[in-house]
Amino acid sequence: MPTLAILDLGSNSVRMMVNRINADGSYEVLDRRQEMVRMSAGMGDEKVIQPDAIDRTMVALAEFKEIYTTFDEQVHVRAVATAAVRQASNQAEFLARFKETMGFDLTVISGDQEAVYDFKGVMNSLPVNDALILDTGGASTEMILVKSGKMVQRISVPIGAVNITEAHLEKNLVSAKSLFNALTATNKYFHDIAWLANAVNLPIIAIGGSNRTLAKIMRHRRNQLDLPVHGYQMTKDEVDDIFTELLGDTKAERIEIRGLSKARGDIIIGGVLPIVTLLTIIDSNKVIFSQSGIREGVLFATIEELTNQHVLNPEARQLTIDAD
């Protein structure tokens, strides 16, 4: 069976996961890589991916190609692009540069398809029955309502860590006026989603680098670095406490917080604003973090296509979620 490389071109970072797929539908992760390229930076109202952002992205992708071909020269590659490329007015130029660099075409997925992949990634790796899945990226946020293990609603809205920050927030110390504007804009998107009323009191399954930063910070504070981020849990009060601290810090102070990547220091407030807002809107008191999202969703879908079998992951669904 093939070696499969999955490339995920997000609005803030590009990521790669290389896997060996077995005939029985099981798989082994051979390598994971991530580069923060900030593709959606400076896109503005015209939605133009800037030349330096394109260059940064192509450099990272070329490095990924060198890595995945060391595992198998005939490696099977699935490459997907999300919000930044999806929204870009110069999408054709970007796609041409991608093909020139990588030698094959890039698939630009819709927000709806992104939500489907998120759902597949979570449901194959966490024991979820009823929850709201939240994937906060650089330029979009996907939400999936899960009831009795089934996806009953899904939506993608064009807000994320980078574009919320660029539209409303200072990258250093955030002012009260800027925070109010950002909260107002975020609330408007969420309050227009009528079906969120069916998510009241449900836990939030949080995907995305900004959301996972909350778990990484809390693991340091609890001295729980032996626990994985995948399946880690926090309460609403704990999320709010970290958010409040971030609001009071300068960028220089934020990047010194253990568990917070220096590359996220300027956008982390915008990045966690959606989850802070949603916790209040649906009156939820539990966040469960997932390291399985779009890339794993693409992996699981591909395994099903190649083997006509469901995924056999020995670690999948082995985690337990504490009761309220």
C-alpha atoms as a PDB file:
ATOM      1  CA  MET A   1       0.000   0.000   0.000  1.00  0.00           C
ATOM      2  CA  PRO A   2       1.170   3.557  -0.623  1.00  0.00           C
ATOM      3  CA  THR A   3       2.947   6.086   1.475  1.00  0.00           C
ATOM      4  CA  LEU A   4       0.548   9.025   1.758  1.00  0.00           C
ATOM      5  CA  ALA A   5       1.619  12.639   2.308  1.00  0.00           C
ATOM      6  CA  ILE A   6      -1.094  15.108   3.257  1.00  0.00           C
ATOM      7  CA  LEU A   7      -0.428  18.809   2.786  1.00  0.00           C
ATOM      8  CA  ASP A   8      -2.755  21.279   4.490  1.00  0.00           C
ATOM      9  CA  LEU A   9      -2.360  24.875   3.279  1.00  0.00           C
ATOM     10  CA  GLY A  10      -4.021  26.914   5.984  1.00  0.00           C
ATOM     11  CA  SER A  11      -4.333  30.662   6.311  1.00  0.00           C
ATOM     12  CA  ASN A  12      -1.732  30.877   9.069  1.00  0.00           C
ATOM     13  CA  SER A  13       0.396  27.748   8.655  1.00  0.00           C
ATOM     14  CA  VAL A  14       1.161  24.964   6.214  1.00  0.00           C
ATOM     15  CA  ARG A  15       1.363  21.466   7.634  1.00  0.00           C
ATOM     16  CA  MET A  16       2.389  18.054   6.407  1.00  0.00           C
ATOM     17  CA  MET A  17       1.652  14.578   7.684  1.00  0.00           C
ATOM     18  CA  VAL A  18       3.329  11.533   6.089  1.00  0.00           C
ATOM     19  CA  ASN A  19       1.690   8.143   6.667  1.00  0.00           C
ATOM     20  CA  ARG A  20       2.229   4.527   5.756  1.00  0.00           C
ATOM     21  CA  ILE A  21      -1.096   2.866   4.958  1.00  0.00           C
ATOM     22  CA  ASN A  22      -1.455  -0.875   5.467  1.00  0.00           C
ATOM     23  CA  ALA A  23      -3.641  -3.270   3.493  1.00  0.00           C
ATOM     24  CA  ASP A  24      -5.947  -3.816   6.479  1.00  0.00           C
ATOM     25  CA  GLY A  25      -6.765  -0.099   6.721  1.00  0.00           C
ATOM     26  CA  SER A  26      -4.435   0.660   9.607  1.00  0.00           C
ATOM     27  CA  TYR A  27      -1.777   3.353   9.310  1.00  0.00           C
ATOM     28  CA  GLU A  28       1.447   4.622  10.823  1.00  0.00           C
ATOM     29  CA  VAL A  29       2.436   8.286  11.023  1.00  0.00           C
ATOM     30  CA  LEU A  30       5.987   8.625   9.700  1.00  0.00           C
ATOM     31  CA  ASP A  31       6.497  12.380   9.992  1.00  0.00           C
ATOM     32  CA  ARG A  32       4.737  15.629  10.873  1.00  0.00           C
ATOM     33  CA  ARG A  33       5.891  19.135   9.946  1.00  0.00           C
ATOM     34  CA  GLN A  34       4.558  22.671  10.315  1.00  0.00           C
ATOM     35  CA  GLU A  35       5.686  26.081   9.078  1.00  0.00           C
ATOM     36  CA  MET A  36       4.031  29.355  10.059  1.00  0.00           C
ATOM     37  CA  VAL A  37       3.782  31.202   6.748  1.00  0.00           C
ATOM     38  CA  ARG A  38       0.945  33.639   7.628  1.00  0.00           C
ATOM     39  CA  MET A  39      -0.560  33.287   4.153  1.00  0.00           C
ATOM     40  CA  SER A  40      -3.580  35.480   4.882  1.00  0.00           C
ATOM     41  CA  ALA A  41      -1.516  38.376   6.254  1.00  0.00           C
ATOM     42  CA  GLY A  42      -2.275  41.655   4.500  1.00  0.00           C
ATOM     43  CA  MET A  43      -4.950  40.241   2.179  1.00  0.00           C
ATOM     44  CA  GLY A  44      -7.203  43.191   2.965  1.00  0.00           C
ATOM     45  CA  ASP A  45     -10.659  43.833   1.557  1.00  0.00           C
ATOM     46  CA  GLU A  46      -9.397  42.958  -1.934  1.00  0.00           C
ATOM     47  CA  LYS A  47      -8.465  39.448  -0.704  1.00  0.00           C
ATOM     48  CA  VAL A  48      -5.066  39.406  -2.386  1.00  0.00           C
ATOM     49  CA  ILE A  49      -2.476  36.916  -1.125  1.00  0.00           C
ATOM     50  CA  GLN A  50       0.647  39.047  -0.893  1.00  0.00           C
ATOM     51  CA  PRO A  51       3.766  38.138  -2.931  1.00  0.00           C
ATOM     52  CA  ASP A  52       5.929  37.634   0.154  1.00  0.00           C
ATOM     53  CA  ALA A  53       3.295  35.316   1.649  1.00  0.00           C
ATOM     54  CA  ILE A  54       3.249  33.282  -1.564  1.00  0.00           C
ATOM     55  CA  ASP A  55       7.041  33.086  -1.513  1.00  0.00           C
ATOM     56  CA  ARG A  56       7.102  31.940   2.140  1.00  0.00           C
ATOM     57  CA  THR A  57       4.528  29.279   1.382  1.00  0.00           C
ATOM     58  CA  MET A  58       6.367  27.930  -1.655  1.00  0.00           C
ATOM     59  CA  VAL A  59       9.654  27.717   0.250  1.00  0.00           C
ATOM     60  CA  ALA A  60       7.944  25.672   2.990  1.00  0.00           C
ATOM     61  CA  LEU A  61       6.230  23.399   0.463  1.00  0.00           C
ATOM     62  CA  ALA A  62       9.474  22.741  -1.423  1.00  0.00           C
ATOM     63  CA  GLU A  63      11.065  21.690   1.877  1.00  0.00           C
ATOM     64  CA  PHE A  64       8.106  19.398   2.594  1.00  0.00           C
ATOM     65  CA  LYS A  65       8.524  17.792  -0.837  1.00  0.00           C
ATOM     66  CA  GLU A  66      12.169  17.017  -0.128  1.00  0.00           C
ATOM     67  CA  ILE A  67      11.127  15.330   3.099  1.00  0.00           C
ATOM     68  CA  TYR A  68       8.232  13.194   1.880  1.00  0.00           C
ATOM     69  CA  THR A  69      10.101  11.895  -1.155  1.00  0.00           C
ATOM     70  CA  THR A  70      12.780  10.457   1.143  1.00  0.00           C
ATOM     71  CA  PHE A  71      10.175   7.991   2.423  1.00  0.00           C
ATOM     72  CA  ASP A  72       8.962   6.907  -0.994  1.00  0.00           C
ATOM     73  CA  GLU A  73       9.719   8.357  -4.431  1.00  0.00           C
ATOM     74  CA  GLN A  74       6.261   7.211  -5.545  1.00  0.00           C
ATOM     75  CA  VAL A  75       4.521   8.759  -2.553  1.00  0.00           C
ATOM     76  CA  HIS A  76       0.831   9.501  -2.990  1.00  0.00           C
ATOM     77  CA  VAL A  77       0.139  13.162  -2.166  1.00  0.00           C
ATOM     78  CA  ARG A  78      -3.132  14.834  -1.185  1.00  0.00           C
ATOM     79  CA  ALA A  79      -2.872  18.627  -0.939  1.00  0.00           C
ATOM     80  CA  VAL A  80      -5.761  20.836   0.171  1.00  0.00           C
ATOM     81  CA  ALA A  81      -6.041  24.581   0.641  1.00  0.00           C
ATOM     82  CA  THR A  82      -8.535  26.304   2.906  1.00  0.00           C
ATOM     83  CA  ALA A  83      -9.775  29.848   3.591  1.00  0.00           C
ATOM     84  CA  ALA A  84      -6.920  32.068   2.371  1.00  0.00           C
ATOM     85  CA  VAL A  85      -6.709  30.429  -1.057  1.00  0.00           C
ATOM     86  CA  ARG A  86     -10.470  29.881  -1.140  1.00  0.00           C
ATOM     87  CA  GLN A  87     -11.115  33.610  -0.697  1.00  0.00           C
ATOM     88  CA  ALA A  88      -8.175  34.927  -2.747  1.00  0.00           C
ATOM     89  CA  SER A  89      -8.872  37.142  -5.747  1.00  0.00           C
ATOM     90  CA  ASN A  90      -5.477  36.035  -7.112  1.00  0.00           C
ATOM     91  CA  GLN A  91      -6.238  32.354  -6.585  1.00  0.00           C
ATOM     92  CA  ALA A  92      -5.275  31.433 -10.158  1.00  0.00           C
ATOM     93  CA  GLU A  93      -1.799  32.928  -9.681  1.00  0.00           C
ATOM     94  CA  PHE A  94      -1.346  31.018  -6.436  1.00  0.00           C
ATOM     95  CA  LEU A  95      -2.468  27.725  -7.973  1.00  0.00           C
ATOM     96  CA  ALA A  96      -0.038  28.207 -10.859  1.00  0.00           C
ATOM     97  CA  ARG A  97       2.853  28.834  -8.436  1.00  0.00           C
ATOM     98  CA  PHE A  98       1.866  25.743  -6.464  1.00  0.00           C
ATOM     99  CA  LYS A  99       1.883  23.514  -9.551  1.00  0.00           C
ATOM    100  CA  GLU A 100       5.215  24.974 -10.674  1.00  0.00           C
ATOM    101  CA  THR A 101       6.727  24.228  -7.253  1.00  0.00           C
ATOM    102  CA  MET A 102       5.144  20.849  -6.516  1.00  0.00           C
ATOM    103  CA  GLY A 103       4.417  19.370  -9.952  1.00  0.00           C
ATOM    104  CA  PHE A 104       0.716  18.641  -9.400  1.00  0.00           C
ATOM    105  CA  ASP A 105      -2.544  20.504  -8.839  1.00  0.00           C
ATOM    106  CA  LEU A 106      -3.736  21.841  -5.501  1.00  0.00           C
ATOM    107  CA  THR A 107      -7.315  21.149  -4.383  1.00  0.00           C
ATOM    108  CA  VAL A 108      -9.102  24.174  -2.931  1.00  0.00           C
ATOM    109  CA  ILE A 109     -11.832  22.875  -0.634  1.00  0.00           C
ATOM    110  CA  SER A 110     -14.993  24.668   0.388  1.00  0.00           C
ATOM    111  CA  GLY A 111     -15.724  25.606   3.971  1.00  0.00           C
ATOM    112  CA  ASP A 112     -18.393  22.912   3.943  1.00  0.00           C
ATOM    113  CA  GLN A 113     -15.886  20.233   2.878  1.00  0.00           C
ATOM    114  CA  GLU A 114     -13.417  21.490   5.477  1.00  0.00           C
ATOM    115  CA  ALA A 115     -16.069  20.934   8.144  1.00  0.00           C
ATOM    116  CA  VAL A 116     -16.682  17.390   6.846  1.00  0.00           C
ATOM    117  CA  TYR A 117     -12.973  16.566   7.110  1.00  0.00           C
ATOM    118  CA  ASP A 118     -12.878  18.046  10.638  1.00  0.00           C
ATOM    119  CA  PHE A 119     -15.798  15.821  11.589  1.00  0.00           C
ATOM    120  CA  LYS A 120     -14.076  12.707  10.204  1.00  0.00           C
ATOM    121  CA  GLY A 121     -10.863  13.583  12.009  1.00  0.00           C
ATOM    122  CA  VAL A 122     -12.541  14.043  15.375  1.00  0.00           C
ATOM    123  CA  MET A 123     -14.985  11.151  15.205  1.00  0.00           C
ATOM    124  CA  ASN A 124     -12.246   8.648  14.365  1.00  0.00           C
ATOM    125  CA  SER A 125     -10.091   9.716  17.311  1.00  0.00           C
ATOM    126  CA  LEU A 126     -12.335  10.810  20.208  1.00  0.00           C
ATOM    127  CA  PRO A 127     -15.427   9.186  21.753  1.00  0.00           C
ATOM    128  CA  VAL A 128     -17.919  11.922  20.835  1.00  0.00           C
ATOM    129  CA  ASN A 129     -21.693  11.571  21.005  1.00  0.00           C
ATOM    130  CA  ASP A 130     -23.044  15.100  21.474  1.00  0.00           C
ATOM    131  CA  ALA A 131     -20.792  18.133  21.029  1.00  0.00           C
ATOM    132  CA  LEU A 132     -20.022  21.256  19.045  1.00  0.00           C
ATOM    133  CA  ILE A 133     -16.794  20.881  17.048  1.00  0.00           C
ATOM    134  CA  LEU A 134     -14.966  24.187  16.587  1.00  0.00           C
ATOM    135  CA  ASP A 135     -12.019  24.604  14.214  1.00  0.00           C
ATOM    136  CA  THR A 136     -10.506  28.086  14.405  1.00  0.00           C
ATOM    137  CA  GLY A 137      -8.020  28.793  11.622  1.00  0.00           C
ATOM    138  CA  GLY A 138      -6.281  31.883  10.363  1.00  0.00           C
ATOM    139  CA  ALA A 139      -9.096  33.191   8.164  1.00  0.00           C
ATOM    140  CA  SER A 140     -12.124  30.979   8.824  1.00  0.00           C
ATOM    141  CA  THR A 141     -13.880  29.103  11.590  1.00  0.00           C
ATOM    142  CA  GLU A 142     -15.785  25.861  11.081  1.00  0.00           C
ATOM    143  CA  MET A 143     -18.472  24.579  13.423  1.00  0.00           C
ATOM    144  CA  ILE A 144     -20.098  21.155  13.355  1.00  0.00           C
ATOM    145  CA  LEU A 145     -23.020  20.142  15.561  1.00  0.00           C
ATOM    146  CA  VAL A 146     -22.814  16.464  16.537  1.00  0.00           C
ATOM    147  CA  LYS A 147     -25.814  14.646  17.982  1.00  0.00           C
ATOM    148  CA  SER A 148     -25.738  10.918  18.782  1.00  0.00           C
ATOM    149  CA  GLY A 149     -22.453  10.661  16.897  1.00  0.00           C
ATOM    150  CA  LYS A 150     -23.948  12.115  13.707  1.00  0.00           C
ATOM    151  CA  MET A 151     -23.178  15.409  11.970  1.00  0.00           C
ATOM    152  CA  VAL A 152     -26.484  17.279  11.967  1.00  0.00           C
ATOM    153  CA  GLN A 153     -25.307  20.818  11.131  1.00  0.00           C
ATOM    154  CA  ARG A 154     -22.147  22.438   9.806  1.00  0.00           C
ATOM    155  CA  ILE A 155     -21.033  25.898   8.766  1.00  0.00           C
ATOM    156  CA  SER A 156     -17.910  27.886   7.904  1.00  0.00           C
ATOM    157  CA  VAL A 157     -17.663  31.585   8.730  1.00  0.00           C
ATOM    158  CA  PRO A 158     -14.913  33.915   7.418  1.00  0.00           C
ATOM    159  CA  ILE A 159     -13.298  34.868  10.712  1.00  0.00           C
ATOM    160  CA  GLY A 160     -10.056  33.568  12.183  1.00  0.00           C
ATOM    161  CA  ALA A 161      -6.969  34.442  14.158  1.00  0.00           C
ATOM    162  CA  VAL A 162      -5.253  36.482  11.435  1.00  0.00           C
ATOM    163  CA  ASN A 163      -8.164  38.366   9.905  1.00  0.00           C
ATOM    164  CA  ILE A 164      -9.811  39.172  13.256  1.00  0.00           C
ATOM    165  CA  THR A 165      -6.494  40.607  14.429  1.00  0.00           C
ATOM    166  CA  GLU A 166      -5.842  42.597  11.258  1.00  0.00           C
ATOM    167  CA  ALA A 167      -9.388  43.975  11.113  1.00  0.00           C
ATOM    168  CA  HIS A 168      -9.852  44.904  14.763  1.00  0.00           C
ATOM    169  CA  LEU A 169      -6.995  44.303  17.198  1.00  0.00           C
ATOM    170  CA  GLU A 170      -3.628  45.807  17.980  1.00  0.00           C
ATOM    171  CA  LYS A 171      -0.847  43.246  17.811  1.00  0.00           C
ATOM    172  CA  ASN A 172       0.727  44.605  20.993  1.00  0.00           C
ATOM    173  CA  LEU A 173      -1.451  45.736  23.925  1.00  0.00           C
ATOM    174  CA  VAL A 174      -5.120  45.482  22.942  1.00  0.00           C
ATOM    175  CA  SER A 175      -7.305  48.488  23.765  1.00  0.00           C
ATOM    176  CA  ALA A 176     -10.828  48.249  25.188  1.00  0.00           C
ATOM    177  CA  LYS A 177     -12.245  49.870  22.036  1.00  0.00           C
ATOM    178  CA  SER A 178     -10.544  47.351  19.746  1.00  0.00           C
ATOM    179  CA  LEU A 179     -11.658  44.422  21.879  1.00  0.00           C
ATOM    180  CA  PHE A 180     -15.245  45.675  21.820  1.00  0.00           C
ATOM    181  CA  ASN A 181     -15.174  45.970  18.027  1.00  0.00           C
ATOM    182  CA  ALA A 182     -13.719  42.465  17.658  1.00  0.00           C
ATOM    183  CA  LEU A 183     -16.272  40.951  20.054  1.00  0.00           C
ATOM    184  CA  THR A 184     -19.134  42.738  18.296  1.00  0.00           C
ATOM    185  CA  ALA A 185     -18.041  41.460  14.874  1.00  0.00           C
ATOM    186  CA  THR A 186     -17.554  37.900  16.159  1.00  0.00           C
ATOM    187  CA  ASN A 187     -20.871  37.883  17.982  1.00  0.00           C
ATOM    188  CA  LYS A 188     -22.668  39.021  14.851  1.00  0.00           C
ATOM    189  CA  TYR A 189     -21.504  35.987  12.895  1.00  0.00           C
ATOM    190  CA  PHE A 190     -22.402  33.543  15.641  1.00  0.00           C
ATOM    191  CA  HIS A 191     -25.775  35.027  16.578  1.00  0.00           C
ATOM    192  CA  ASP A 192     -26.899  34.671  12.967  1.00  0.00           C
ATOM    193  CA  ILE A 193     -26.519  30.859  13.238  1.00  0.00           C
ATOM    194  CA  ALA A 194     -29.943  29.757  14.482  1.00  0.00           C
ATOM    195  CA  TRP A 195     -29.006  26.114  15.034  1.00  0.00           C
ATOM    196  CA  LEU A 196     -26.477  27.040  17.736  1.00  0.00           C
ATOM    197  CA  ALA A 197     -29.518  27.024  20.032  1.00  0.00           C
ATOM    198  CA  ASN A 198     -29.359  23.220  19.707  1.00  0.00           C
ATOM    199  CA  ALA A 199     -25.787  23.229  21.034  1.00  0.00           C
ATOM    200  CA  VAL A 200     -26.633  24.757  24.419  1.00  0.00           C
ATOM    201  CA  ASN A 201     -24.717  23.125  27.301  1.00  0.00           C
ATOM    202  CA  LEU A 202     -22.774  20.826  24.967  1.00  0.00           C
ATOM    203  CA  PRO A 203     -18.987  20.491  25.271  1.00  0.00           C
ATOM    204  CA  ILE A 204     -16.866  22.171  22.616  1.00  0.00           C
ATOM    205  CA  ILE A 205     -14.355  19.982  20.774  1.00  0.00           C
ATOM    206  CA  ALA A 206     -11.625  22.486  19.894  1.00  0.00           C
ATOM    207  CA  ILE A 207      -9.362  22.143  16.849  1.00  0.00           C
ATOM    208  CA  GLY A 208      -6.751  24.567  15.525  1.00  0.00           C
ATOM    209  CA  GLY A 209      -3.437  25.933  16.714  1.00  0.00           C
ATOM    210  CA  SER A 210      -4.862  28.921  18.576  1.00  0.00           C
ATOM    211  CA  ASN A 211      -7.340  26.776  20.484  1.00  0.00           C
ATOM    212  CA  ARG A 212      -4.719  24.147  21.320  1.00  0.00           C
ATOM    213  CA  THR A 213      -2.515  26.916  22.712  1.00  0.00           C
ATOM    214  CA  LEU A 214      -4.972  27.202  25.598  1.00  0.00           C
ATOM    215  CA  ALA A 215      -4.408  23.540  26.454  1.00  0.00           C
ATOM    216  CA  LYS A 216      -0.632  23.902  26.170  1.00  0.00           C
ATOM    217  CA  ILE A 217      -0.627  26.874  28.543  1.00  0.00           C
ATOM    218  CA  MET A 218      -2.838  25.075  31.055  1.00  0.00           C
ATOM    219  CA  ARG A 219      -0.713  21.912  30.967  1.00  0.00           C
ATOM    220  CA  HIS A 220       2.275  24.014  32.053  1.00  0.00           C
ATOM    221  CA  ARG A 221       0.281  25.647  34.844  1.00  0.00           C
ATOM    222  CA  ARG A 222      -0.990  22.342  36.140  1.00  0.00           C
ATOM    223  CA  ASN A 223       2.397  20.678  35.690  1.00  0.00           C
ATOM    224  CA  GLN A 224       0.722  18.105  33.444  1.00  0.00           C
ATOM    225  CA  LEU A 225       3.135  17.976  30.530  1.00  0.00           C
ATOM    226  CA  ASP A 226       2.915  14.182  30.606  1.00  0.00           C
ATOM    227  CA  LEU A 227      -0.702  14.448  29.419  1.00  0.00           C
ATOM    228  CA  PRO A 228      -1.325  14.776  25.666  1.00  0.00           C
ATOM    229  CA  VAL A 229      -3.126  17.778  24.216  1.00  0.00           C
ATOM    230  CA  HIS A 230      -5.442  15.370  22.386  1.00  0.00           C
ATOM    231  CA  GLY A 231      -8.326  14.749  24.767  1.00  0.00           C
ATOM    232  CA  TYR A 232      -7.163  17.400  27.263  1.00  0.00           C
ATOM    233  CA  GLN A 233     -10.015  19.227  29.027  1.00  0.00           C
ATOM    234  CA  MET A 234     -10.586  22.713  30.425  1.00  0.00           C
ATOM    235  CA  THR A 235     -13.530  24.556  31.961  1.00  0.00           C
ATOM    236  CA  LYS A 236     -14.994  27.850  30.750  1.00  0.00           C
ATOM    237  CA  ASP A 237     -13.547  29.680  33.776  1.00  0.00           C
ATOM    238  CA  GLU A 238     -10.065  28.360  32.983  1.00  0.00           C
ATOM    239  CA  VAL A 239     -10.348  29.505  29.372  1.00  0.00           C
ATOM    240  CA  ASP A 240     -11.619  32.920  30.479  1.00  0.00           C
ATOM    241  CA  ASP A 241      -8.786  33.307  33.010  1.00  0.00           C
ATOM    242  CA  ILE A 242      -6.133  32.720  30.335  1.00  0.00           C
ATOM    243  CA  PHE A 243      -7.945  35.049  27.906  1.00  0.00           C
ATOM    244  CA  THR A 244      -8.061  37.782  30.547  1.00  0.00           C
ATOM    245  CA  GLU A 245      -4.344  37.426  31.200  1.00  0.00           C
ATOM    246  CA  LEU A 246      -3.556  37.609  27.485  1.00  0.00           C
ATOM    247  CA  LEU A 247      -5.585  40.804  27.214  1.00  0.00           C
ATOM    248  CA  GLY A 248      -3.530  42.439  29.956  1.00  0.00           C
ATOM    249  CA  ASP A 249      -0.165  41.543  28.431  1.00  0.00           C
ATOM    250  CA  THR A 250       1.920  43.189  25.764  1.00  0.00           C
ATOM    251  CA  LYS A 251       3.115  41.063  22.875  1.00  0.00           C
ATOM    252  CA  ALA A 252       6.536  40.798  24.533  1.00  0.00           C
ATOM    253  CA  GLU A 253       4.890  39.522  27.715  1.00  0.00           C
ATOM    254  CA  ARG A 254       2.629  37.095  25.868  1.00  0.00           C
ATOM    255  CA  ILE A 255       5.467  35.329  24.065  1.00  0.00           C
ATOM    256  CA  GLU A 256       7.076  34.587  27.422  1.00  0.00           C
ATOM    257  CA  ILE A 257       4.051  32.583  28.556  1.00  0.00           C
ATOM    258  CA  ARG A 258       4.962  28.904  28.721  1.00  0.00           C
ATOM    259  CA  GLY A 259       3.031  26.933  26.133  1.00  0.00           C
ATOM    260  CA  LEU A 260       2.466  29.894  23.804  1.00  0.00           C
ATOM    261  CA  SER A 261       4.465  29.822  20.585  1.00  0.00           C
ATOM    262  CA  LYS A 262       6.318  33.041  19.819  1.00  0.00           C
ATOM    263  CA  ALA A 263       4.912  32.875  16.285  1.00  0.00           C
ATOM    264  CA  ARG A 264       1.389  33.258  17.709  1.00  0.00           C
ATOM    265  CA  GLY A 265       2.125  36.074  20.109  1.00  0.00           C
ATOM    266  CA  ASP A 266       0.580  38.776  17.935  1.00  0.00           C
ATOM    267  CA  ILE A 267      -2.581  36.881  16.888  1.00  0.00           C
ATOM    268  CA  ILE A 268      -3.426  34.695  19.879  1.00  0.00           C
ATOM    269  CA  ILE A 269      -6.094  37.047  21.270  1.00  0.00           C
ATOM    270  CA  GLY A 270      -7.922  37.056  17.941  1.00  0.00           C
ATOM    271  CA  GLY A 271      -7.342  33.329  17.713  1.00  0.00           C
ATOM    272  CA  VAL A 272      -9.116  32.440  20.956  1.00  0.00           C
ATOM    273  CA  LEU A 273     -11.856  35.056  20.625  1.00  0.00           C
ATOM    274  CA  PRO A 274     -14.219  32.654  18.782  1.00  0.00           C
ATOM    275  CA  ILE A 275     -14.048  29.969  21.472  1.00  0.00           C
ATOM    276  CA  VAL A 276     -14.400  32.507  24.293  1.00  0.00           C
ATOM    277  CA  THR A 277     -17.469  33.926  22.554  1.00  0.00           C
ATOM    278  CA  LEU A 278     -19.034  30.538  21.818  1.00  0.00           C
ATOM    279  CA  LEU A 279     -18.617  29.265  25.361  1.00  0.00           C
ATOM    280  CA  THR A 280     -20.890  32.088  26.478  1.00  0.00           C
ATOM    281  CA  ILE A 281     -23.377  31.834  23.604  1.00  0.00           C
ATOM    282  CA  ILE A 282     -24.050  28.113  24.126  1.00  0.00           C
ATOM    283  CA  ASP A 283     -23.511  28.218  27.901  1.00  0.00           C
ATOM    284  CA  SER A 284     -20.891  25.469  27.782  1.00  0.00           C
ATOM    285  CA  ASN A 285     -18.560  24.665  30.641  1.00  0.00           C
ATOM    286  CA  LYS A 286     -16.278  22.134  28.955  1.00  0.00           C
ATOM    287  CA  VAL A 287     -13.660  22.279  26.219  1.00  0.00           C
ATOM    288  CA  ILE A 288     -12.035  19.091  24.917  1.00  0.00           C
ATOM    289  CA  PHE A 289      -9.041  19.616  22.664  1.00  0.00           C
ATOM    290  CA  SER A 290      -8.382  17.579  19.543  1.00  0.00           C
ATOM    291  CA  GLN A 291      -5.142  17.266  17.623  1.00  0.00           C
ATOM    292  CA  SER A 292      -7.070  15.420  14.950  1.00  0.00           C
ATOM    293  CA  GLY A 293      -8.749  17.624  12.367  1.00  0.00           C
ATOM    294  CA  ILE A 294      -8.638  18.319   8.664  1.00  0.00           C
ATOM    295  CA  ARG A 295      -5.427  16.398   7.866  1.00  0.00           C
ATOM    296  CA  GLU A 296      -6.615  13.326   9.722  1.00  0.00           C
ATOM    297  CA  GLY A 297     -10.003  13.696   8.047  1.00  0.00           C
ATOM    298  CA  VAL A 298      -8.311  13.651   4.644  1.00  0.00           C
ATOM    299  CA  LEU A 299      -6.259  10.645   5.796  1.00  0.00           C
ATOM    300  CA  PHE A 300      -9.299   8.672   6.948  1.00  0.00           C
ATOM    301  CA  ALA A 301     -11.237   9.507   3.773  1.00  0.00           C
ATOM    302  CA  THR A 302      -8.300   8.435   1.614  1.00  0.00           C
ATOM    303  CA  ILE A 303      -7.845   5.155   3.472  1.00  0.00           C
ATOM    304  CA  GLU A 304     -11.509   4.373   2.897  1.00  0.00           C
ATOM    305  CA  GLU A 305     -11.097   5.139  -0.817  1.00  0.00           C
ATOM    306  CA  LEU A 306      -7.924   3.058  -1.207  1.00  0.00           C
ATOM    307  CA  THR A 307      -8.910   0.036   0.868  1.00  0.00           C
ATOM    308  CA  ASN A 308     -12.730   0.100   0.883  1.00  0.00           C
ATOM    309  CA  GLN A 309     -12.387  -0.285   4.645  1.00  0.00           C
ATOM    310  CA  HIS A 310     -12.965   1.914   7.641  1.00  0.00           C
ATOM    311  CA  VAL A 311      -9.862   3.189   9.405  1.00  0.00           C
ATOM    312  CA  LEU A 312      -8.142   0.806  11.803  1.00  0.00           C
ATOM    313  CA  ASN A 313      -6.328   3.061  14.227  1.00  0.00           C
ATOM    314  CA  PRO A 314      -5.314   1.234  17.419  1.00  0.00           C
ATOM    315  CA  GLU A 315      -5.336   4.513  19.337  1.00  0.00           C
ATOM    316  CA  ALA A 316      -8.635   5.812  17.992  1.00  0.00           C
ATOM    317  CA  ARG A 317     -11.495   6.243  20.448  1.00  0.00           C
ATOM    318  CA  GLN A 318      -9.451   4.941  23.360  1.00  0.00           C
ATOM    319  CA  LEU A 319      -9.598   8.222  25.279  1.00  0.00           C
ATOM    320  CA  THR A 320     -12.308   8.772  27.862  1.00  0.00           C
ATOM    321  CA  ILE A 321     -14.145  12.040  28.433  1.00  0.00           C
ATOM    322  CA  ASP A 322     -14.998  12.852  32.017  1.00  0.00           C
ATOM    323  CA  ALA A 323     -18.653  13.397  32.833  1.00  0.00           C
ATOM    324  CA  ASP A 324     -19.813  16.854  33.918  1.00  0.00           C
END
